[in-house]
């Protein structure tokens, strides 16, 4: 999967999903967390505002 200038953690999580390697919960959670932090930084660097909710799930 190609994405120009993807956020940190994107390729690792995509590789896990494409390989179907979702067995290890701790690896998956770590990959999702890394992508989320990478996405926040990626958006901030580009001037995007992420709208988040304090109430989970919505």
C-alpha atoms as a PDB file:
ATOM      1  CA  UNK A   1       0.000   0.000   0.000  1.00  0.00           C
ATOM      2  CA  UNK A   2       1.448   3.362  -0.977  1.00  0.00           C
ATOM      3  CA  UNK A   3       0.803   6.566   0.894  1.00  0.00           C
ATOM      4  CA  UNK A   4       3.040   9.555   0.304  1.00  0.00           C
ATOM      5  CA  UNK A   5       4.674  10.661   3.554  1.00  0.00           C
ATOM      6  CA  UNK A   6       2.664   8.393   5.871  1.00  0.00           C
ATOM      7  CA  UNK A   7       2.576   8.896   9.634  1.00  0.00           C
ATOM      8  CA  UNK A   8       4.962   6.933  11.834  1.00  0.00           C
ATOM      9  CA  UNK A   9       3.661   3.442  12.482  1.00  0.00           C
ATOM     10  CA  UNK A  10       1.539   3.272   9.331  1.00  0.00           C
ATOM     11  CA  UNK A  11       3.620   0.755   7.404  1.00  0.00           C
ATOM     12  CA  UNK A  12       4.124  -1.561  10.373  1.00  0.00           C
ATOM     13  CA  UNK A  13       0.390  -1.783  11.098  1.00  0.00           C
ATOM     14  CA  UNK A  14      -0.474  -2.198   7.411  1.00  0.00           C
ATOM     15  CA  UNK A  15       2.054  -5.035   7.146  1.00  0.00           C
ATOM     16  CA  UNK A  16       0.489  -6.797  10.139  1.00  0.00           C
ATOM     17  CA  UNK A  17      -2.990  -6.473   8.642  1.00  0.00           C
ATOM     18  CA  UNK A  18      -1.978  -7.527   5.126  1.00  0.00           C
ATOM     19  CA  UNK A  19      -0.168 -10.576   6.490  1.00  0.00           C
ATOM     20  CA  UNK A  20      -3.133 -11.406   8.712  1.00  0.00           C
ATOM     21  CA  UNK A  21      -0.736 -11.468  11.657  1.00  0.00           C
ATOM     22  CA  UNK A  22      -3.117 -10.191  14.322  1.00  0.00           C
ATOM     23  CA  UNK A  23      -2.602 -12.972  16.879  1.00  0.00           C
ATOM     24  CA  UNK A  24      -0.414 -11.123  19.357  1.00  0.00           C
ATOM     25  CA  UNK A  25      -2.600  -8.590  21.149  1.00  0.00           C
ATOM     26  CA  UNK A  26       0.315  -6.699  22.709  1.00  0.00           C
ATOM     27  CA  UNK A  27       1.998  -6.234  19.311  1.00  0.00           C
ATOM     28  CA  UNK A  28      -1.279  -5.088  17.770  1.00  0.00           C
ATOM     29  CA  UNK A  29      -2.020  -2.621  20.578  1.00  0.00           C
ATOM     30  CA  UNK A  30       1.523  -1.258  20.368  1.00  0.00           C
ATOM     31  CA  UNK A  31       1.222  -0.884  16.579  1.00  0.00           C
ATOM     32  CA  UNK A  32      -2.105   0.959  16.900  1.00  0.00           C
ATOM     33  CA  UNK A  33      -0.724   3.227  19.623  1.00  0.00           C
ATOM     34  CA  UNK A  34       2.379   4.019  17.566  1.00  0.00           C
ATOM     35  CA  UNK A  35       0.228   4.838  14.537  1.00  0.00           C
ATOM     36  CA  UNK A  36      -2.089   7.043  16.602  1.00  0.00           C
ATOM     37  CA  UNK A  37       0.829   9.029  18.063  1.00  0.00           C
ATOM     38  CA  UNK A  38       2.359   9.231  14.590  1.00  0.00           C
ATOM     39  CA  UNK A  39      -0.942  10.425  13.135  1.00  0.00           C
ATOM     40  CA  UNK A  40      -1.293  13.141  15.770  1.00  0.00           C
ATOM     41  CA  UNK A  41       2.226  14.412  15.006  1.00  0.00           C
ATOM     42  CA  UNK A  42       1.670  14.068  11.249  1.00  0.00           C
ATOM     43  CA  UNK A  43      -1.538  16.129  11.453  1.00  0.00           C
ATOM     44  CA  UNK A  44       0.023  18.763  13.709  1.00  0.00           C
ATOM     45  CA  UNK A  45       2.970  19.209  11.322  1.00  0.00           C
ATOM     46  CA  UNK A  46       0.529  19.852   8.490  1.00  0.00           C
ATOM     47  CA  UNK A  47      -1.719  22.229  10.392  1.00  0.00           C
ATOM     48  CA  UNK A  48      -4.665  19.839  10.703  1.00  0.00           C
ATOM     49  CA  UNK A  49      -6.810  19.894  13.820  1.00  0.00           C
ATOM     50  CA  UNK A  50      -7.887  16.511  15.087  1.00  0.00           C
ATOM     51  CA  UNK A  51     -11.249  16.579  16.782  1.00  0.00           C
ATOM     52  CA  UNK A  52     -11.361  14.080  19.599  1.00  0.00           C
ATOM     53  CA  UNK A  53     -13.998  13.139  22.088  1.00  0.00           C
ATOM     54  CA  UNK A  54     -13.383  12.608  25.770  1.00  0.00           C
ATOM     55  CA  UNK A  55     -16.390  10.302  25.847  1.00  0.00           C
ATOM     56  CA  UNK A  56     -15.651   6.794  24.610  1.00  0.00           C
ATOM     57  CA  UNK A  57     -16.698   5.471  22.149  1.00  0.00           C
ATOM     58  CA  UNK A  58     -18.301   8.698  20.878  1.00  0.00           C
END
